[in-house]
Full PDB file with SEQRES, HELIX, SHEET, SSBOND, CRYST1, ORIGX, SCALE, CONECT and MASTER records, all heavy atoms in Angstrom:
SEQRES   1 A   38  SER ALA PRO SER ALA PRO ILE SER SER ALA PRO SER SER          
SEQRES   2 A   38  LYS ALA PRO ALA SER LYS PRO LYS THR PRO GLY PRO THR          
SEQRES   3 A   38  ALA GLY PRO SER SER PRO ALA ALA GLU GLY LEU PRO              
HELIX    1 AA1 SER A    4  LYS A   14  1                                  11    
HELIX    2 AA2 PRO A   32  GLY A   36  5                                   5    
CRYST1    1.000    1.000    1.000  90.00  90.00  90.00 P 1           1          
ORIGX1      1.000000  0.000000  0.000000        0.00000                         
ORIGX2      0.000000  1.000000  0.000000        0.00000                         
ORIGX3      0.000000  0.000000  1.000000        0.00000                         
SCALE1      1.000000  0.000000  0.000000        0.00000                         
SCALE2      0.000000  1.000000  0.000000        0.00000                         
SCALE3      0.000000  0.000000  1.000000        0.00000                         
ATOM      1  N   SER A   1     -18.667 -14.083 -24.978  1.00  0.00           N  
ATOM      2  CA  SER A   1     -17.377 -14.436 -24.374  1.00  0.00           C  
ATOM      3  C   SER A   1     -16.490 -13.214 -24.211  1.00  0.00           C  
ATOM      4  O   SER A   1     -15.557 -13.227 -23.458  1.00  0.00           O  
ATOM      5  CB  SER A   1     -16.662 -15.478 -25.249  1.00  0.00           C  
ATOM      6  OG  SER A   1     -16.349 -14.921 -26.515  1.00  0.00           O  
ATOM      7  N   ALA A   2     -16.810 -12.142 -24.959  1.00  0.00           N  
ATOM      8  CA  ALA A   2     -15.996 -10.936 -24.850  1.00  0.00           C  
ATOM      9  C   ALA A   2     -16.044 -10.355 -23.444  1.00  0.00           C  
ATOM     10  O   ALA A   2     -15.028 -10.099 -22.840  1.00  0.00           O  
ATOM     11  CB  ALA A   2     -16.455  -9.910 -25.884  1.00  0.00           C  
ATOM     12  N   PRO A   3     -17.276 -10.184 -22.798  1.00  0.00           N  
ATOM     13  CA  PRO A   3     -17.264  -9.647 -21.436  1.00  0.00           C  
ATOM     14  C   PRO A   3     -16.731 -10.613 -20.408  1.00  0.00           C  
ATOM     15  O   PRO A   3     -16.380 -10.232 -19.331  1.00  0.00           O  
ATOM     16  CB  PRO A   3     -18.729  -9.327 -21.170  1.00  0.00           C  
ATOM     17  CG  PRO A   3     -19.490 -10.093 -22.184  1.00  0.00           C  
ATOM     18  CD  PRO A   3     -18.584 -10.295 -23.354  1.00  0.00           C  
ATOM     19  N   SER A   4     -16.714 -11.961 -20.735  1.00  0.00           N  
ATOM     20  CA  SER A   4     -16.262 -12.926 -19.738  1.00  0.00           C  
ATOM     21  C   SER A   4     -14.798 -12.732 -19.407  1.00  0.00           C  
ATOM     22  O   SER A   4     -14.359 -13.010 -18.316  1.00  0.00           O  
ATOM     23  CB  SER A   4     -16.494 -14.350 -20.239  1.00  0.00           C  
ATOM     24  OG  SER A   4     -15.694 -14.598 -21.371  1.00  0.00           O  
ATOM     25  N   ALA A   5     -14.004 -12.245 -20.374  1.00  0.00           N  
ATOM     26  CA  ALA A   5     -12.575 -12.051 -20.115  1.00  0.00           C  
ATOM     27  C   ALA A   5     -12.347 -10.972 -19.066  1.00  0.00           C  
ATOM     28  O   ALA A   5     -11.643 -11.188 -18.104  1.00  0.00           O  
ATOM     29  CB  ALA A   5     -11.847 -11.721 -21.416  1.00  0.00           C  
ATOM     30  N   PRO A   6     -12.996  -9.793 -19.173  1.00  0.00           N  
ATOM     31  CA  PRO A   6     -12.799  -8.785 -18.131  1.00  0.00           C  
ATOM     32  C   PRO A   6     -13.293  -9.243 -16.765  1.00  0.00           C  
ATOM     33  O   PRO A   6     -12.744  -8.914 -15.756  1.00  0.00           O  
ATOM     34  CB  PRO A   6     -13.601  -7.582 -18.638  1.00  0.00           C  
ATOM     35  CG  PRO A   6     -13.744  -7.812 -20.106  1.00  0.00           C  
ATOM     36  CD  PRO A   6     -13.764  -9.294 -20.287  1.00  0.00           C  
ATOM     37  N   ILE A   7     -14.411 -10.047 -16.755  1.00  0.00           N  
ATOM     38  CA  ILE A   7     -14.956 -10.489 -15.474  1.00  0.00           C  
ATOM     39  C   ILE A   7     -13.948 -11.364 -14.762  1.00  0.00           C  
ATOM     40  O   ILE A   7     -13.699 -11.246 -13.582  1.00  0.00           O  
ATOM     41  CB  ILE A   7     -16.284 -11.238 -15.686  1.00  0.00           C  
ATOM     42  CG1 ILE A   7     -17.356 -10.250 -16.182  1.00  0.00           C  
ATOM     43  CG2 ILE A   7     -16.739 -11.934 -14.420  1.00  0.00           C  
ATOM     44  CD1 ILE A   7     -18.635 -10.900 -16.586  1.00  0.00           C  
ATOM     45  N   SER A   8     -13.343 -12.325 -15.516  1.00  0.00           N  
ATOM     46  CA  SER A   8     -12.386 -13.229 -14.896  1.00  0.00           C  
ATOM     47  C   SER A   8     -11.108 -12.508 -14.512  1.00  0.00           C  
ATOM     48  O   SER A   8     -10.434 -12.891 -13.585  1.00  0.00           O  
ATOM     49  CB  SER A   8     -12.062 -14.386 -15.850  1.00  0.00           C  
ATOM     50  OG  SER A   8     -11.474 -13.879 -17.035  1.00  0.00           O  
ATOM     51  N   SER A   9     -10.787 -11.426 -15.248  1.00  0.00           N  
ATOM     52  CA  SER A   9      -9.552 -10.723 -14.938  1.00  0.00           C  
ATOM     53  C   SER A   9      -9.706  -9.809 -13.726  1.00  0.00           C  
ATOM     54  O   SER A   9      -8.752  -9.441 -13.103  1.00  0.00           O  
ATOM     55  CB  SER A   9      -9.098  -9.895 -16.144  1.00  0.00           C  
ATOM     56  OG  SER A   9     -10.070  -8.908 -16.444  1.00  0.00           O  
ATOM     57  N   ALA A  10     -10.976  -9.458 -13.374  1.00  0.00           N  
ATOM     58  CA  ALA A  10     -11.183  -8.554 -12.249  1.00  0.00           C  
ATOM     59  C   ALA A  10     -10.659  -9.118 -10.942  1.00  0.00           C  
ATOM     60  O   ALA A  10      -9.929  -8.475 -10.225  1.00  0.00           O  
ATOM     61  CB  ALA A  10     -12.668  -8.190 -12.132  1.00  0.00           C  
ATOM     62  N   PRO A  11     -11.032 -10.420 -10.573  1.00  0.00           N  
ATOM     63  CA  PRO A  11     -10.493 -10.949  -9.313  1.00  0.00           C  
ATOM     64  C   PRO A  11      -8.982 -11.059  -9.330  1.00  0.00           C  
ATOM     65  O   PRO A  11      -8.339 -10.896  -8.317  1.00  0.00           O  
ATOM     66  CB  PRO A  11     -11.152 -12.323  -9.217  1.00  0.00           C  
ATOM     67  CG  PRO A  11     -12.341 -12.251 -10.116  1.00  0.00           C  
ATOM     68  CD  PRO A  11     -11.950 -11.306 -11.207  1.00  0.00           C  
ATOM     69  N   SER A  12      -8.393 -11.389 -10.509  1.00  0.00           N  
ATOM     70  CA  SER A  12      -6.949 -11.588 -10.551  1.00  0.00           C  
ATOM     71  C   SER A  12      -6.215 -10.287 -10.257  1.00  0.00           C  
ATOM     72  O   SER A  12      -5.113 -10.294  -9.771  1.00  0.00           O  
ATOM     73  CB  SER A  12      -6.533 -12.136 -11.924  1.00  0.00           C  
ATOM     74  OG  SER A  12      -6.847 -11.207 -12.940  1.00  0.00           O  
ATOM     75  N   SER A  13      -6.872  -9.141 -10.567  1.00  0.00           N  
ATOM     76  CA  SER A  13      -6.221  -7.871 -10.282  1.00  0.00           C  
ATOM     77  C   SER A  13      -6.095  -7.633  -8.784  1.00  0.00           C  
ATOM     78  O   SER A  13      -5.250  -6.911  -8.327  1.00  0.00           O  
ATOM     79  CB  SER A  13      -7.016  -6.728 -10.922  1.00  0.00           C  
ATOM     80  OG  SER A  13      -8.308  -6.659 -10.363  1.00  0.00           O  
ATOM     81  N   LYS A  14      -6.977  -8.316  -7.982  1.00  0.00           N  
ATOM     82  CA  LYS A  14      -6.912  -8.168  -6.540  1.00  0.00           C  
ATOM     83  C   LYS A  14      -5.927  -9.133  -5.912  1.00  0.00           C  
ATOM     84  O   LYS A  14      -5.617  -9.037  -4.743  1.00  0.00           O  
ATOM     85  CB  LYS A  14      -8.289  -8.392  -5.922  1.00  0.00           C  
ATOM     86  CG  LYS A  14      -9.332  -7.373  -6.369  1.00  0.00           C  
ATOM     87  CD  LYS A  14     -10.667  -7.660  -5.713  1.00  0.00           C  
ATOM     88  CE  LYS A  14     -11.727  -6.659  -6.165  1.00  0.00           C  
ATOM     89  NZ  LYS A  14     -13.032  -6.921  -5.538  1.00  0.00           N  
ATOM     90  N   ALA A  15      -5.478 -10.140  -6.673  1.00  0.00           N  
ATOM     91  CA  ALA A  15      -4.606 -11.170  -6.117  1.00  0.00           C  
ATOM     92  C   ALA A  15      -3.319 -10.623  -5.536  1.00  0.00           C  
ATOM     93  O   ALA A  15      -2.892 -11.047  -4.482  1.00  0.00           O  
ATOM     94  CB  ALA A  15      -4.309 -12.220  -7.185  1.00  0.00           C  
ATOM     95  N   PRO A  16      -2.641  -9.661  -6.219  1.00  0.00           N  
ATOM     96  CA  PRO A  16      -1.355  -9.191  -5.669  1.00  0.00           C  
ATOM     97  C   PRO A  16      -1.469  -8.478  -4.340  1.00  0.00           C  
ATOM     98  O   PRO A  16      -0.481  -8.244  -3.689  1.00  0.00           O  
ATOM     99  CB  PRO A  16      -0.853  -8.226  -6.759  1.00  0.00           C  
ATOM    100  CG  PRO A  16      -1.587  -8.622  -7.996  1.00  0.00           C  
ATOM    101  CD  PRO A  16      -2.929  -9.089  -7.508  1.00  0.00           C  
ATOM    102  N   ALA A  17      -2.717  -8.112  -3.945  1.00  0.00           N  
ATOM    103  CA  ALA A  17      -2.849  -7.382  -2.690  1.00  0.00           C  
ATOM    104  C   ALA A  17      -2.343  -8.235  -1.540  1.00  0.00           C  
ATOM    105  O   ALA A  17      -2.715  -9.381  -1.395  1.00  0.00           O  
ATOM    106  CB  ALA A  17      -4.316  -7.003  -2.458  1.00  0.00           C  
ATOM    107  N   SER A  18      -1.448  -7.689  -0.748  1.00  0.00           N  
ATOM    108  CA  SER A  18      -0.858  -8.443   0.361  1.00  0.00           C  
ATOM    109  C   SER A  18      -1.773  -8.388   1.577  1.00  0.00           C  
ATOM    110  O   SER A  18      -2.468  -7.406   1.812  1.00  0.00           O  
ATOM    111  CB  SER A  18       0.515  -7.873   0.713  1.00  0.00           C  
ATOM    112  OG  SER A  18       0.400  -6.516   1.078  1.00  0.00           O  
ATOM    113  N   LYS A  19      -1.774  -9.492   2.324  1.00  0.00           N  
ATOM    114  CA  LYS A  19      -2.587  -9.567   3.524  1.00  0.00           C  
ATOM    115  C   LYS A  19      -1.869  -8.866   4.673  1.00  0.00           C  
ATOM    116  O   LYS A  19      -0.652  -8.893   4.760  1.00  0.00           O  
ATOM    117  CB  LYS A  19      -2.852 -11.033   3.886  1.00  0.00           C  
ATOM    118  CG  LYS A  19      -3.681 -11.763   2.853  1.00  0.00           C  
ATOM    119  CD  LYS A  19      -3.929 -13.195   3.290  1.00  0.00           C  
ATOM    120  CE  LYS A  19      -4.773 -13.949   2.265  1.00  0.00           C  
ATOM    121  NZ  LYS A  19      -4.997 -15.343   2.688  1.00  0.00           N  
ATOM    122  N   PRO A  20      -2.647  -8.267   5.573  1.00  0.00           N  
ATOM    123  CA  PRO A  20      -2.003  -7.624   6.722  1.00  0.00           C  
ATOM    124  C   PRO A  20      -1.328  -8.661   7.604  1.00  0.00           C  
ATOM    125  O   PRO A  20      -1.831  -9.749   7.806  1.00  0.00           O  
ATOM    126  CB  PRO A  20      -3.181  -6.955   7.458  1.00  0.00           C  
ATOM    127  CG  PRO A  20      -4.393  -7.674   6.962  1.00  0.00           C  
ATOM    128  CD  PRO A  20      -4.081  -8.111   5.557  1.00  0.00           C  
ATOM    129  N   LYS A  21      -0.162  -8.324   8.095  1.00  0.00           N  
ATOM    130  CA  LYS A  21       0.593  -9.256   8.930  1.00  0.00           C  
ATOM    131  C   LYS A  21       0.001  -9.321  10.332  1.00  0.00           C  
ATOM    132  O   LYS A  21      -0.479  -8.340  10.871  1.00  0.00           O  
ATOM    133  CB  LYS A  21       2.061  -8.818   9.001  1.00  0.00           C  
ATOM    134  CG  LYS A  21       2.780  -8.879   7.663  1.00  0.00           C  
ATOM    135  CD  LYS A  21       4.237  -8.472   7.813  1.00  0.00           C  
ATOM    136  CE  LYS A  21       4.969  -8.554   6.480  1.00  0.00           C  
ATOM    137  NZ  LYS A  21       6.382  -8.150   6.615  1.00  0.00           N  
ATOM    138  N   THR A  22       0.014 -10.527  10.876  1.00  0.00           N  
ATOM    139  CA  THR A  22      -0.456 -10.724  12.238  1.00  0.00           C  
ATOM    140  C   THR A  22       0.583 -10.169  13.219  1.00  0.00           C  
ATOM    141  O   THR A  22       1.776 -10.424  13.056  1.00  0.00           O  
ATOM    142  CB  THR A  22      -0.667 -12.216  12.506  1.00  0.00           C  
ATOM    143  OG1 THR A  22      -1.563 -12.726  11.525  1.00  0.00           O  
ATOM    144  CG2 THR A  22      -1.222 -12.462  13.891  1.00  0.00           C  
ATOM    145  N   PRO A  23       0.151  -9.431  14.213  1.00  0.00           N  
ATOM    146  CA  PRO A  23       1.119  -8.886  15.171  1.00  0.00           C  
ATOM    147  C   PRO A  23       1.918  -9.992  15.832  1.00  0.00           C  
ATOM    148  O   PRO A  23       1.406 -11.069  16.121  1.00  0.00           O  
ATOM    149  CB  PRO A  23       0.225  -8.155  16.192  1.00  0.00           C  
ATOM    150  CG  PRO A  23      -1.043  -7.890  15.447  1.00  0.00           C  
ATOM    151  CD  PRO A  23      -1.212  -8.995  14.464  1.00  0.00           C  
ATOM    152  N   GLY A  24       3.204  -9.733  16.045  1.00  0.00           N  
ATOM    153  CA  GLY A  24       4.091 -10.709  16.652  1.00  0.00           C  
ATOM    154  C   GLY A  24       3.978 -10.720  18.164  1.00  0.00           C  
ATOM    155  O   GLY A  24       3.087 -10.118  18.760  1.00  0.00           O  
ATOM    156  N   PRO A  25       4.912 -11.386  18.817  1.00  0.00           N  
ATOM    157  CA  PRO A  25       4.848 -11.517  20.271  1.00  0.00           C  
ATOM    158  C   PRO A  25       5.116 -10.235  21.025  1.00  0.00           C  
ATOM    159  O   PRO A  25       4.991 -10.196  22.237  1.00  0.00           O  
ATOM    160  CB  PRO A  25       5.946 -12.551  20.564  1.00  0.00           C  
ATOM    161  CG  PRO A  25       6.876 -12.464  19.410  1.00  0.00           C  
ATOM    162  CD  PRO A  25       6.024 -12.112  18.227  1.00  0.00           C  
ATOM    163  N   THR A  26       5.473  -9.159  20.303  1.00  0.00           N  
ATOM    164  CA  THR A  26       5.743  -7.886  20.990  1.00  0.00           C  
ATOM    165  C   THR A  26       4.468  -7.102  21.259  1.00  0.00           C  
ATOM    166  O   THR A  26       4.520  -6.008  21.788  1.00  0.00           O  
ATOM    167  CB  THR A  26       6.695  -7.017  20.151  1.00  0.00           C  
ATOM    168  OG1 THR A  26       6.087  -6.742  18.892  1.00  0.00           O  
ATOM    169  CG2 THR A  26       8.015  -7.714  19.936  1.00  0.00           C  
ATOM    170  N   ALA A  27       3.294  -7.639  20.863  1.00  0.00           N  
ATOM    171  CA  ALA A  27       2.032  -6.950  21.111  1.00  0.00           C  
ATOM    172  C   ALA A  27       1.752  -6.910  22.605  1.00  0.00           C  
ATOM    173  O   ALA A  27       2.342  -7.641  23.395  1.00  0.00           O  
ATOM    174  CB  ALA A  27       0.897  -7.653  20.385  1.00  0.00           C  
ATOM    175  N   GLY A  28       0.777  -6.082  22.998  1.00  0.00           N  
ATOM    176  CA  GLY A  28       0.438  -5.995  24.403  1.00  0.00           C  
ATOM    177  C   GLY A  28       1.224  -4.882  25.074  1.00  0.00           C  
ATOM    178  O   GLY A  28       1.276  -3.750  24.608  1.00  0.00           O  
ATOM    179  N   PRO A  29       1.908  -5.183  26.174  1.00  0.00           N  
ATOM    180  CA  PRO A  29       2.615  -4.127  26.886  1.00  0.00           C  
ATOM    181  C   PRO A  29       3.906  -3.677  26.225  1.00  0.00           C  
ATOM    182  O   PRO A  29       4.554  -2.768  26.713  1.00  0.00           O  
ATOM    183  CB  PRO A  29       2.910  -4.762  28.257  1.00  0.00           C  
ATOM    184  CG  PRO A  29       2.837  -6.217  28.028  1.00  0.00           C  
ATOM    185  CD  PRO A  29       1.898  -6.438  26.900  1.00  0.00           C  
ATOM    186  N   SER A  30       4.320  -4.320  25.108  1.00  0.00           N  
ATOM    187  CA  SER A  30       5.563  -3.915  24.439  1.00  0.00           C  
ATOM    188  C   SER A  30       5.328  -2.658  23.618  1.00  0.00           C  
ATOM    189  O   SER A  30       4.298  -2.506  22.984  1.00  0.00           O  
ATOM    190  CB  SER A  30       6.061  -5.032  23.525  1.00  0.00           C  
ATOM    191  OG  SER A  30       6.305  -6.189  24.279  1.00  0.00           O  
ATOM    192  N   SER A  31       6.309  -1.746  23.589  1.00  0.00           N  
ATOM    193  CA  SER A  31       6.170  -0.512  22.820  1.00  0.00           C  
ATOM    194  C   SER A  31       7.530   0.142  22.664  1.00  0.00           C  
ATOM    195  O   SER A  31       8.352   0.134  23.591  1.00  0.00           O  
ATOM    196  CB  SER A  31       5.205   0.442  23.533  1.00  0.00           C  
ATOM    197  OG  SER A  31       5.243   1.711  22.927  1.00  0.00           O  
ATOM    198  N   PRO A  32       7.781   0.736  21.463  1.00  0.00           N  
ATOM    199  CA  PRO A  32       9.034   1.485  21.303  1.00  0.00           C  
ATOM    200  C   PRO A  32       9.152   2.643  22.286  1.00  0.00           C  
ATOM    201  O   PRO A  32      10.255   3.086  22.624  1.00  0.00           O  
ATOM    202  CB  PRO A  32       8.951   1.980  19.861  1.00  0.00           C  
ATOM    203  CG  PRO A  32       8.007   1.051  19.175  1.00  0.00           C  
ATOM    204  CD  PRO A  32       7.018   0.652  20.225  1.00  0.00           C  
ATOM    205  N   ALA A  33       8.010   3.138  22.766  1.00  0.00           N  
ATOM    206  CA  ALA A  33       8.039   4.256  23.719  1.00  0.00           C  
ATOM    207  C   ALA A  33       8.684   3.851  25.038  1.00  0.00           C  
ATOM    208  O   ALA A  33       9.055   4.697  25.853  1.00  0.00           O  
ATOM    209  CB  ALA A  33       6.621   4.755  23.971  1.00  0.00           C  
ATOM    210  N   ALA A  34       8.831   2.515  25.244  1.00  0.00           N  
ATOM    211  CA  ALA A  34       9.431   2.037  26.490  1.00  0.00           C  
ATOM    212  C   ALA A  34      10.884   2.445  26.615  1.00  0.00           C  
ATOM    213  O   ALA A  34      11.441   2.455  27.723  1.00  0.00           O  
ATOM    214  CB  ALA A  34       9.312   0.509  26.555  1.00  0.00           C  
ATOM    215  N   GLU A  35      11.526   2.785  25.487  1.00  0.00           N  
ATOM    216  CA  GLU A  35      12.949   3.131  25.534  1.00  0.00           C  
ATOM    217  C   GLU A  35      13.212   4.343  26.433  1.00  0.00           C  
ATOM    218  O   GLU A  35      14.278   4.477  27.033  1.00  0.00           O  
ATOM    219  CB  GLU A  35      13.463   3.418  24.112  1.00  0.00           C  
ATOM    220  CG  GLU A  35      13.427   2.215  23.176  1.00  0.00           C  
ATOM    221  CD  GLU A  35      14.346   1.092  23.631  1.00  0.00           C  
ATOM    222  OE1 GLU A  35      15.281   1.377  24.408  1.00  0.00           O  
ATOM    223  OE2 GLU A  35      14.128  -0.051  23.202  1.00  0.00           O  
ATOM    224  N   GLY A  36      12.251   5.213  26.584  1.00  0.00           N  
ATOM    225  CA  GLY A  36      12.448   6.403  27.412  1.00  0.00           C  
ATOM    226  C   GLY A  36      12.042   6.210  28.859  1.00  0.00           C  
ATOM    227  O   GLY A  36      12.108   7.163  29.650  1.00  0.00           O  
ATOM    228  N   LEU A  37      11.636   5.016  29.237  1.00  0.00           N  
ATOM    229  CA  LEU A  37      11.175   4.746  30.599  1.00  0.00           C  
ATOM    230  C   LEU A  37      12.325   4.251  31.479  1.00  0.00           C  
ATOM    231  O   LEU A  37      13.334   3.731  30.982  1.00  0.00           O  
ATOM    232  CB  LEU A  37      10.064   3.688  30.573  1.00  0.00           C  
ATOM    233  CG  LEU A  37       8.770   4.065  29.846  1.00  0.00           C  
ATOM    234  CD1 LEU A  37       7.828   2.867  29.801  1.00  0.00           C  
ATOM    235  CD2 LEU A  37       8.100   5.265  30.518  1.00  0.00           C  
ATOM    236  N   PRO A  38      12.183   4.364  32.796  1.00  0.00           N  
ATOM    237  CA  PRO A  38      13.206   3.822  33.696  1.00  0.00           C  
ATOM    238  C   PRO A  38      13.198   2.294  33.671  1.00  0.00           C  
ATOM    239  O   PRO A  38      12.219   1.666  33.284  1.00  0.00           O  
ATOM    240  CB  PRO A  38      12.779   4.349  35.071  1.00  0.00           C  
ATOM    241  CG  PRO A  38      11.317   4.596  34.949  1.00  0.00           C  
ATOM    242  CD  PRO A  38      11.086   5.027  33.521  1.00  0.00           C  
TER     243      PRO A  38                                                      
MASTER        0    0    0    2    0    0    0    6  242    1    0    3          
END                                                                             
């Protein structure tokens, strides 16, 4: 049972990792570089 504790704790250490956010509606032709365009 001693090694079982580290095994179960291994996945929990990955839990706080945040998922990448899905791009919003500004994807595609939208870009901050557009500010310098006519």
